[in-house]
Amino acid sequence: MFDLNRKNLIKKMKEESLLILFAGDAPFRSADQQYKFTPNRNFYYLTGIDDKKVILTILKTETEVIENVYVQREDELMAKWVGRSINKDEARKISKVKNIKYIDEFESTISSYIDRRGIKNIYFDLERQSIDIPSTKAQDMANLIKIKYPYIKIKNIYSQIVSLRMIKNEDEIKTIKKAISITKEGIISMAKNIKPNMKEYEVESYFDFEIKRLGASAHAFNTICAAGKNATVLHYEDNNQDCTDGDLILFDLGAEYNYYCSDISRTIPINGKFTERQKQIYSIVLNCMKEVEKAAKPGITLRDLNDIAKKSLSKGCIDIGLISKEEEIEKYYFHSIGHSLGLDTHDVWISDSKLEVGSVITNEPGLYIEEEGIGIRLEDDLLITDFGCTNLSNDIPIEIEDIENLMR
């Protein structure tokens, strides 16, 4: 699928243009340690290559398109210490790029393109970042070219890649489904093994083991495993408190498979049995979830879905006397209904875009009642289709009776 992704992007490039994308490197941690390498997602989307320091260039003129991938030269000593880097044949097979060169040829090739090919534009991935975040390789090179070649226009390819990534192809959807299926088994393992008085991290460990056993490359994000009142904190991640008999525990978690993510939330009773009050609140959230899923279709926006969620939750909370007016729902529901899902958990998205066939989004309503120590969030992953949506995670238990039966 990576060569098709490039072809779609090339259509968006102007002629007499050069695209330069970097895979990135593992950031420094401390002493002689680096963090685990993970490729720049836009680079991976266009190449499928999972190795540090690799570079992709695409030259587009009136008459031709030339794609190059640059890899590190073989280093036998480093191979003995840290393993081999991707070689030319591997890079060619994965990316379907025919021209594979070495990184030490990169600068001379770029200079040749600029001097002899009449390049007018150079595209970089200049993803918007906070001002206090260190500059990227792309930003540094863009600044250098501005100085050395002031007549060349520097352009940001980021939004064009985003517009492609917002719509998933069949291969991407298949990979997301795999990540969801792994996540399902992790959740079931947690539900079957939880007991009162366990620590949150003990419960979390069942998820960790299961997704690793089933081939997940990583967690999609830091797991939230929040018992009792902790579940009223939206991004609680300490996961080190007791699981008290009679309380609920909220899981917000996901597996990453071939860099594609799942994002699922479930809330279950620690002792395996919901109280009547817990059932009451849970049913409001679950009903909201079903209304949002029913409304999700091409042409609607995430903002539209959030308005539907707020109305549904407001009505449920008014009916039980928790609030008296619609606008009071913001005390108990203070996030949005969902986000795009893909190579990132909060995947790239152009604000206020309408959903299209192939969009994958989350559906995650919640209620957080701090004074009662009840936090409930439920989350599924939806694929937008011609006729509405398909719930990709619909076989993960969510009904009250199904959860109690599973835990029993």
Protein backbone atom coordinates (compact mmCIF):
# COMPACT_ATOMS: atom_id res chain seq x y z
CA MET A 1 0.00 0.00 0.00
CA PHE A 2 2.99 2.33 0.51
CA ASP A 3 3.67 2.88 -3.19
CA LEU A 4 -0.02 3.75 -3.68
CA ASN A 5 0.22 6.26 -0.82
CA ARG A 6 3.17 7.91 -2.57
CA LYS A 7 1.36 8.03 -5.90
CA ASN A 8 -1.58 9.79 -4.25
CA LEU A 9 0.76 12.31 -2.63
CA ILE A 10 2.69 12.96 -5.85
CA LYS A 11 -0.56 14.12 -7.44
CA LYS A 12 -0.66 16.90 -4.83
CA MET A 13 2.91 18.06 -5.51
CA LYS A 14 3.72 20.83 -7.96
CA GLU A 15 6.08 20.21 -10.89
CA GLU A 16 9.75 21.24 -10.53
CA SER A 17 9.46 20.16 -6.88
CA LEU A 18 11.40 17.95 -4.50
CA LEU A 19 10.04 16.18 -1.44
CA ILE A 20 12.39 15.30 1.44
CA LEU A 21 11.16 13.18 4.37
CA PHE A 22 13.15 11.78 7.31
CA ALA A 23 12.44 8.61 9.30
CA GLY A 24 14.03 10.21 12.36
CA ASP A 25 16.29 8.81 15.06
CA ALA A 26 15.89 7.49 18.59
CA PRO A 27 16.00 10.47 20.99
CA PHE A 28 18.65 10.65 23.70
CA ARG A 29 17.57 9.41 27.13
CA SER A 30 20.56 9.57 29.52
CA ALA A 31 24.16 8.36 29.79
CA ASP A 32 24.62 6.05 26.78
CA GLN A 33 20.90 5.22 26.51
CA GLN A 34 18.39 6.21 23.84
CA TYR A 35 14.64 5.84 23.85
CA LYS A 36 13.22 3.06 21.68
CA PHE A 37 13.13 4.16 18.06
CA THR A 38 9.80 4.71 16.37
CA PRO A 39 9.59 6.10 12.83
CA ASN A 40 8.02 9.39 11.88
CA ARG A 41 4.48 8.32 11.03
CA ASN A 42 4.25 10.30 7.79
CA PHE A 43 7.52 8.77 6.62
CA TYR A 44 6.25 5.29 7.54
CA TYR A 45 2.95 5.94 5.75
CA LEU A 46 4.84 6.57 2.51
CA THR A 47 7.53 3.87 2.79
CA GLY A 48 6.65 1.18 5.34
CA ILE A 49 10.28 1.33 6.49
CA ASP A 50 10.91 0.98 10.22
CA ASP A 51 14.56 1.96 10.65
CA LYS A 52 16.32 5.04 11.95
CA LYS A 53 18.01 7.74 9.84
CA VAL A 54 16.47 6.57 6.53
CA ILE A 55 15.48 9.32 4.07
CA LEU A 56 12.91 9.47 1.26
CA THR A 57 13.09 11.92 -1.64
CA ILE A 58 10.67 12.35 -4.53
CA LEU A 59 11.58 14.54 -7.50
CA LYS A 60 8.70 15.64 -9.72
CA THR A 61 9.30 17.42 -13.04
CA GLU A 62 7.19 17.93 -16.15
CA THR A 63 8.45 14.67 -17.63
CA GLU A 64 9.35 12.32 -14.78
CA VAL A 65 9.10 11.28 -11.16
CA ILE A 66 12.21 9.94 -9.41
CA GLU A 67 11.93 8.28 -6.00
CA ASN A 68 14.99 7.59 -3.86
CA VAL A 69 15.40 5.96 -0.46
CA TYR A 70 18.68 6.46 1.40
CA VAL A 71 19.85 3.85 3.95
CA GLN A 72 22.93 3.48 6.14
CA ARG A 73 25.96 1.64 4.83
CA GLU A 74 26.65 -1.75 6.37
CA ASP A 75 28.83 -1.54 9.47
CA GLU A 76 29.97 -4.96 10.67
CA LEU A 77 31.17 -3.70 14.07
CA MET A 78 27.94 -1.84 14.85
CA ALA A 79 25.96 -4.87 13.67
CA LYS A 80 27.64 -6.92 16.41
CA TRP A 81 26.70 -4.36 19.03
CA VAL A 82 23.19 -3.23 18.11
CA GLY A 83 22.13 -5.31 15.11
CA ARG A 84 22.07 -4.63 11.41
CA SER A 85 20.40 -1.65 9.78
CA ILE A 86 18.02 -2.18 6.89
CA ASN A 87 19.90 -2.98 3.69
CA LYS A 88 19.19 -1.94 0.11
CA ASP A 89 17.32 -5.08 -0.88
CA GLU A 90 15.11 -4.98 2.23
CA ALA A 91 14.31 -1.29 1.73
CA ARG A 92 13.44 -1.91 -1.93
CA LYS A 93 11.18 -4.87 -1.10
CA ILE A 94 9.28 -3.06 1.66
CA SER A 95 8.85 0.34 0.06
CA LYS A 96 8.67 -0.67 -3.62
CA VAL A 97 11.12 2.19 -4.34
CA LYS A 98 13.53 1.04 -7.04
CA ASN A 99 16.36 3.51 -6.39
CA ILE A 100 18.04 2.76 -3.08
CA LYS A 101 21.14 4.78 -2.19
CA TYR A 102 23.34 5.30 0.83
CA ILE A 103 22.89 8.23 3.19
CA ASP A 104 26.35 9.56 2.40
CA GLU A 105 25.09 10.14 -1.17
CA PHE A 106 22.14 12.24 -0.02
CA GLU A 107 23.70 15.71 0.04
CA SER A 108 25.36 15.41 -3.37
CA THR A 109 22.14 14.10 -4.92
CA ILE A 110 20.10 16.98 -3.48
CA SER A 111 22.68 19.52 -4.69
CA SER A 112 22.55 17.97 -8.16
CA TYR A 113 18.75 18.17 -8.24
CA ILE A 114 18.81 21.84 -7.23
CA ASP A 115 21.59 22.84 -9.63
CA ARG A 116 20.59 20.80 -12.69
CA ARG A 117 16.86 20.12 -12.47
CA GLY A 118 15.50 23.62 -12.01
CA ILE A 119 13.90 22.87 -8.67
CA LYS A 120 11.55 25.68 -7.61
CA ASN A 121 9.96 24.12 -4.54
CA ILE A 122 11.16 21.80 -1.79
CA TYR A 123 8.58 20.09 0.39
CA PHE A 124 9.30 19.10 3.99
CA ASP A 125 7.12 17.65 6.72
CA LEU A 126 6.99 20.72 8.98
CA GLU A 127 4.40 19.46 11.45
CA ARG A 128 3.23 22.27 13.71
CA GLN A 129 4.95 22.03 17.09
CA SER A 130 5.07 24.05 20.28
CA ILE A 131 7.81 26.68 20.25
CA ASP A 132 9.64 25.05 23.17
CA ILE A 133 10.03 21.66 21.41
CA PRO A 134 13.47 21.09 19.84
CA SER A 135 13.61 21.57 16.07
CA THR A 136 13.43 18.55 13.79
CA LYS A 137 15.85 17.44 11.09
CA ALA A 138 13.35 18.70 8.50
CA GLN A 139 13.13 22.15 10.12
CA ASP A 140 16.92 22.42 10.37
CA MET A 141 17.40 21.50 6.70
CA ALA A 142 14.62 23.83 5.58
CA ASN A 143 16.36 26.71 7.35
CA LEU A 144 19.69 25.78 5.77
CA ILE A 145 18.21 25.71 2.26
CA LYS A 146 16.61 29.13 2.84
CA ILE A 147 20.09 30.52 3.43
CA LYS A 148 21.96 28.69 0.67
CA TYR A 149 19.20 28.81 -1.97
CA PRO A 150 16.98 31.83 -1.20
CA TYR A 151 15.26 31.58 -4.59
CA ILE A 152 13.76 28.17 -3.72
CA LYS A 153 10.36 28.10 -2.02
CA ILE A 154 10.07 25.95 1.10
CA LYS A 155 6.66 24.29 1.33
CA ASN A 156 5.03 22.23 4.07
CA ILE A 157 3.69 18.88 2.82
CA TYR A 158 2.16 18.03 6.22
CA SER A 159 -1.46 18.99 5.44
CA GLN A 160 -1.42 17.10 2.14
CA ILE A 161 -0.28 13.93 3.91
CA VAL A 162 -2.87 14.47 6.63
CA SER A 163 -5.67 14.65 4.05
CA LEU A 164 -4.57 11.23 2.75
CA ARG A 165 -4.14 9.64 6.17
CA MET A 166 -7.64 10.69 7.24
CA ILE A 167 -9.11 8.06 4.89
CA LYS A 168 -8.00 4.49 5.58
CA ASN A 169 -7.53 1.91 2.84
CA GLU A 170 -8.35 -1.80 3.15
CA ASP A 171 -4.87 -2.74 4.38
CA GLU A 172 -4.98 -0.08 7.08
CA ILE A 173 -8.44 -1.15 8.23
CA LYS A 174 -7.30 -4.77 8.39
CA THR A 175 -4.34 -3.79 10.56
CA ILE A 176 -6.49 -1.68 12.89
CA LYS A 177 -8.86 -4.65 13.27
CA LYS A 178 -5.89 -6.80 14.28
CA ALA A 179 -4.88 -4.26 16.92
CA ILE A 180 -8.47 -4.25 18.23
CA SER A 181 -8.63 -8.06 18.38
CA ILE A 182 -5.43 -8.12 20.45
CA THR A 183 -6.83 -5.44 22.75
CA LYS A 184 -10.00 -7.47 23.23
CA GLU A 185 -8.06 -10.46 24.58
CA GLY A 186 -6.15 -8.19 26.95
CA ILE A 187 -9.38 -6.72 28.33
CA ILE A 188 -10.93 -10.17 28.78
CA SER A 189 -7.85 -11.32 30.68
CA MET A 190 -8.11 -8.32 33.01
CA ALA A 191 -11.83 -8.87 33.61
CA LYS A 192 -11.36 -12.56 34.39
CA ASN A 193 -8.49 -12.04 36.84
CA ILE A 194 -9.39 -8.90 38.76
CA LYS A 195 -10.19 -9.28 42.47
CA PRO A 196 -10.84 -6.81 45.28
CA ASN A 197 -7.70 -5.51 47.04
CA MET A 198 -5.44 -5.97 44.02
CA LYS A 199 -3.37 -2.98 42.98
CA GLU A 200 -4.31 -1.26 39.73
CA TYR A 201 -0.94 -2.16 38.25
CA GLU A 202 -1.55 -5.83 39.03
CA VAL A 203 -4.71 -5.71 36.94
CA GLU A 204 -2.87 -3.82 34.21
CA SER A 205 -0.20 -6.53 34.06
CA TYR A 206 -2.72 -9.03 32.64
CA PHE A 207 -3.29 -6.68 29.71
CA ASP A 208 0.43 -6.16 29.21
CA PHE A 209 1.18 -9.87 29.11
CA GLU A 210 -1.68 -10.77 26.79
CA ILE A 211 -1.03 -8.15 24.11
CA LYS A 212 2.69 -8.96 24.15
CA ARG A 213 1.89 -12.66 23.79
CA LEU A 214 -0.36 -11.93 20.81
CA GLY A 215 2.22 -9.92 18.90
CA ALA A 216 1.50 -6.28 19.68
CA SER A 217 4.53 -4.10 18.90
CA ALA A 218 3.72 -1.74 21.76
CA HIS A 219 0.92 -0.08 23.70
CA ALA A 220 -0.98 2.44 21.59
CA PHE A 221 -0.64 4.87 24.54
CA ASN A 222 -0.08 4.78 28.30
CA THR A 223 -2.74 2.53 29.82
CA ILE A 224 -5.35 4.08 32.10
CA CYS A 225 -6.37 1.59 34.79
CA ALA A 226 -8.36 3.69 37.25
CA ALA A 227 -10.28 2.28 40.19
CA GLY A 228 -12.97 4.10 42.15
CA LYS A 229 -12.53 7.86 42.35
CA ASN A 230 -9.42 7.70 40.17
CA ALA A 231 -11.71 7.07 37.20
CA THR A 232 -13.05 10.62 37.50
CA VAL A 233 -9.61 11.92 36.42
CA LEU A 234 -9.65 11.87 32.63
CA HIS A 235 -5.99 10.98 32.01
CA TYR A 236 -5.14 9.20 35.26
CA GLU A 237 -2.01 7.10 34.67
CA ASP A 238 -0.47 6.37 38.10
CA ASN A 239 -2.16 2.95 38.22
CA ASN A 240 -0.83 2.26 41.72
CA GLN A 241 -3.87 2.39 44.02
CA ASP A 242 -6.03 -0.34 45.58
CA CYS A 243 -9.01 -1.88 43.81
CA THR A 244 -11.69 -1.65 46.48
CA ASP A 245 -14.59 -4.08 46.74
CA GLY A 246 -17.78 -2.38 45.50
CA ASP A 247 -16.03 0.15 43.26
CA LEU A 248 -15.80 0.29 39.50
CA ILE A 249 -12.56 0.23 37.52
CA LEU A 250 -12.13 2.07 34.21
CA PHE A 251 -9.79 0.80 31.51
CA ASP A 252 -8.73 3.05 28.63
CA LEU A 253 -6.13 1.20 26.62
CA GLY A 254 -5.03 -0.09 23.27
CA ALA A 255 -2.54 -2.26 21.44
CA GLU A 256 -0.34 -1.11 18.59
CA TYR A 257 0.12 -3.53 15.69
CA ASN A 258 2.46 -2.63 12.82
CA TYR A 259 2.18 0.94 14.15
CA TYR A 260 -1.61 1.05 13.79
CA CYS A 261 -3.55 1.66 16.99
CA SER A 262 -6.67 0.57 18.77
CA ASP A 263 -8.32 2.68 21.48
CA ILE A 264 -10.90 0.98 23.69
CA SER A 265 -12.49 1.88 27.03
CA ARG A 266 -14.50 -0.34 29.32
CA THR A 267 -15.70 0.13 32.90
CA ILE A 268 -16.39 -2.95 35.04
CA PRO A 269 -17.22 -3.74 38.69
CA ILE A 270 -14.18 -4.86 40.68
CA ASN A 271 -16.16 -7.59 42.45
CA GLY A 272 -17.97 -8.67 39.28
CA LYS A 273 -21.37 -7.21 40.14
CA PHE A 274 -22.74 -3.71 39.40
CA THR A 275 -24.68 -1.91 42.12
CA GLU A 276 -28.04 -0.42 41.14
CA ARG A 277 -26.59 3.11 41.14
CA GLN A 278 -23.67 2.00 38.99
CA LYS A 279 -26.08 0.35 36.56
CA GLN A 280 -28.09 3.57 36.38
CA ILE A 281 -25.09 5.73 35.43
CA TYR A 282 -23.61 3.06 33.19
CA SER A 283 -26.85 2.74 31.23
CA ILE A 284 -26.90 6.48 30.51
CA VAL A 285 -23.37 6.31 29.06
CA LEU A 286 -24.10 3.14 27.08
CA ASN A 287 -27.31 4.60 25.64
CA CYS A 288 -25.40 7.71 24.57
CA MET A 289 -22.79 5.53 22.90
CA LYS A 290 -25.48 3.74 20.90
CA GLU A 291 -27.06 7.04 19.80
CA VAL A 292 -23.71 8.37 18.57
CA GLU A 293 -22.97 5.14 16.71
CA LYS A 294 -26.39 5.32 15.05
CA ALA A 295 -25.70 8.91 13.93
CA ALA A 296 -22.14 8.40 12.65
CA LYS A 297 -22.14 8.53 8.84
CA PRO A 298 -20.52 10.33 5.90
CA GLY A 299 -21.12 14.09 5.87
CA ILE A 300 -21.34 14.56 9.63
CA THR A 301 -18.56 16.12 11.75
CA LEU A 302 -17.06 15.10 15.07
CA ARG A 303 -18.51 18.32 16.46
CA ASP A 304 -21.98 17.19 15.35
CA LEU A 305 -21.49 13.85 17.10
CA ASN A 306 -20.35 15.60 20.27
CA ASP A 307 -23.52 17.71 20.28
CA ILE A 308 -25.56 14.50 20.03
CA ALA A 309 -23.59 13.01 22.92
CA LYS A 310 -24.10 16.04 25.14
CA LYS A 311 -27.86 16.06 24.53
CA SER A 312 -28.11 12.33 25.27
CA LEU A 313 -26.05 12.51 28.45
CA SER A 314 -27.90 15.64 29.59
CA LYS A 315 -31.28 13.97 29.19
CA GLY A 316 -30.14 10.90 31.09
CA CYS A 317 -28.71 12.95 33.94
CA ILE A 318 -31.81 15.18 34.15
CA ASP A 319 -34.03 12.10 34.29
CA ILE A 320 -32.22 10.79 37.38
CA GLY A 321 -31.97 14.22 39.03
CA LEU A 322 -28.19 14.57 38.75
CA ILE A 323 -28.56 17.89 36.90
CA SER A 324 -31.51 20.19 36.24
CA LYS A 325 -30.44 21.93 33.00
CA GLU A 326 -28.66 20.77 29.82
CA GLU A 327 -25.71 23.14 30.23
CA GLU A 328 -24.89 21.60 33.61
CA ILE A 329 -23.69 18.41 31.87
CA GLU A 330 -20.26 19.99 31.47
CA LYS A 331 -19.63 19.33 35.17
CA TYR A 332 -19.77 15.59 34.51
CA TYR A 333 -18.81 15.33 30.82
CA PHE A 334 -15.92 17.60 29.84
CA HIS A 335 -14.21 16.05 26.82
CA SER A 336 -15.22 15.45 23.21
CA ILE A 337 -16.93 12.34 21.91
CA GLY A 338 -14.04 11.05 19.82
CA HIS A 339 -11.11 11.49 17.49
CA SER A 340 -9.55 9.99 14.40
CA LEU A 341 -7.67 6.70 14.84
CA GLY A 342 -4.86 5.18 12.80
CA LEU A 343 -1.07 5.42 12.86
CA ASP A 344 -1.49 7.62 15.92
CA THR A 345 -4.02 7.06 18.68
CA HIS A 346 -5.17 10.65 18.29
CA ASP A 347 -4.63 10.41 14.58
CA VAL A 348 -4.14 13.38 12.27
CA TRP A 349 -7.31 15.25 11.39
CA ILE A 350 -8.25 18.56 9.80
CA SER A 351 -10.51 20.41 12.19
CA ASP A 352 -14.25 20.39 11.37
CA SER A 353 -13.76 18.03 8.44
CA LYS A 354 -16.77 15.95 7.52
CA LEU A 355 -16.52 12.21 7.98
CA GLU A 356 -15.99 10.24 4.78
CA VAL A 357 -16.14 6.60 3.83
CA GLY A 358 -12.94 5.14 5.23
CA SER A 359 -12.67 7.44 8.24
CA VAL A 360 -11.95 5.59 11.49
CA ILE A 361 -13.00 7.36 14.68
CA THR A 362 -13.53 6.61 18.34
CA ASN A 363 -16.87 6.83 20.15
CA GLU A 364 -16.18 7.51 23.83
CA PRO A 365 -18.88 9.10 26.01
CA GLY A 366 -18.36 9.28 29.75
CA LEU A 367 -19.71 10.55 33.04
CA TYR A 368 -17.40 11.48 35.93
CA ILE A 369 -19.18 11.98 39.25
CA GLU A 370 -16.39 12.80 41.69
CA GLU A 371 -18.67 13.23 44.70
CA GLU A 372 -19.86 9.64 44.29
CA GLY A 373 -16.51 8.15 43.29
CA ILE A 374 -18.02 6.97 40.00
CA GLY A 375 -16.24 7.44 36.69
CA ILE A 376 -17.60 5.59 33.66
CA ARG A 377 -16.27 5.81 30.12
CA LEU A 378 -17.06 3.44 27.26
CA GLU A 379 -15.24 3.53 23.95
CA ASP A 380 -15.49 1.71 20.64
CA ASP A 381 -13.75 2.22 17.30
CA LEU A 382 -15.99 3.00 14.31
CA LEU A 383 -15.36 2.70 10.57
CA ILE A 384 -17.44 5.09 8.47
CA THR A 385 -19.14 3.29 5.58
CA ASP A 386 -21.48 4.17 2.71
CA PHE A 387 -24.54 3.57 4.85
CA GLY A 388 -23.39 4.75 8.29
CA CYS A 389 -20.68 3.01 10.27
CA THR A 390 -19.37 -0.37 11.35
CA ASN A 391 -18.37 -0.91 14.96
CA LEU A 392 -14.94 -2.57 14.67
CA SER A 393 -14.93 -3.48 18.38
CA ASN A 394 -18.50 -4.69 18.77
CA ASP A 395 -17.46 -8.14 20.02
CA ILE A 396 -15.74 -6.75 23.13
CA PRO A 397 -18.27 -7.24 25.96
CA ILE A 398 -20.04 -4.03 26.92
CA GLU A 399 -23.60 -4.83 28.03
CA ILE A 400 -24.05 -5.08 31.82
CA GLU A 401 -25.21 -8.69 31.70
CA ASP A 402 -22.38 -9.74 29.39
CA ILE A 403 -19.74 -8.17 31.63
CA GLU A 404 -21.14 -9.78 34.77
CA ASN A 405 -21.32 -13.16 33.01
CA LEU A 406 -17.73 -12.79 31.79
CA MET A 407 -16.48 -11.95 35.28
CA ARG A 408 -18.53 -14.70 36.85
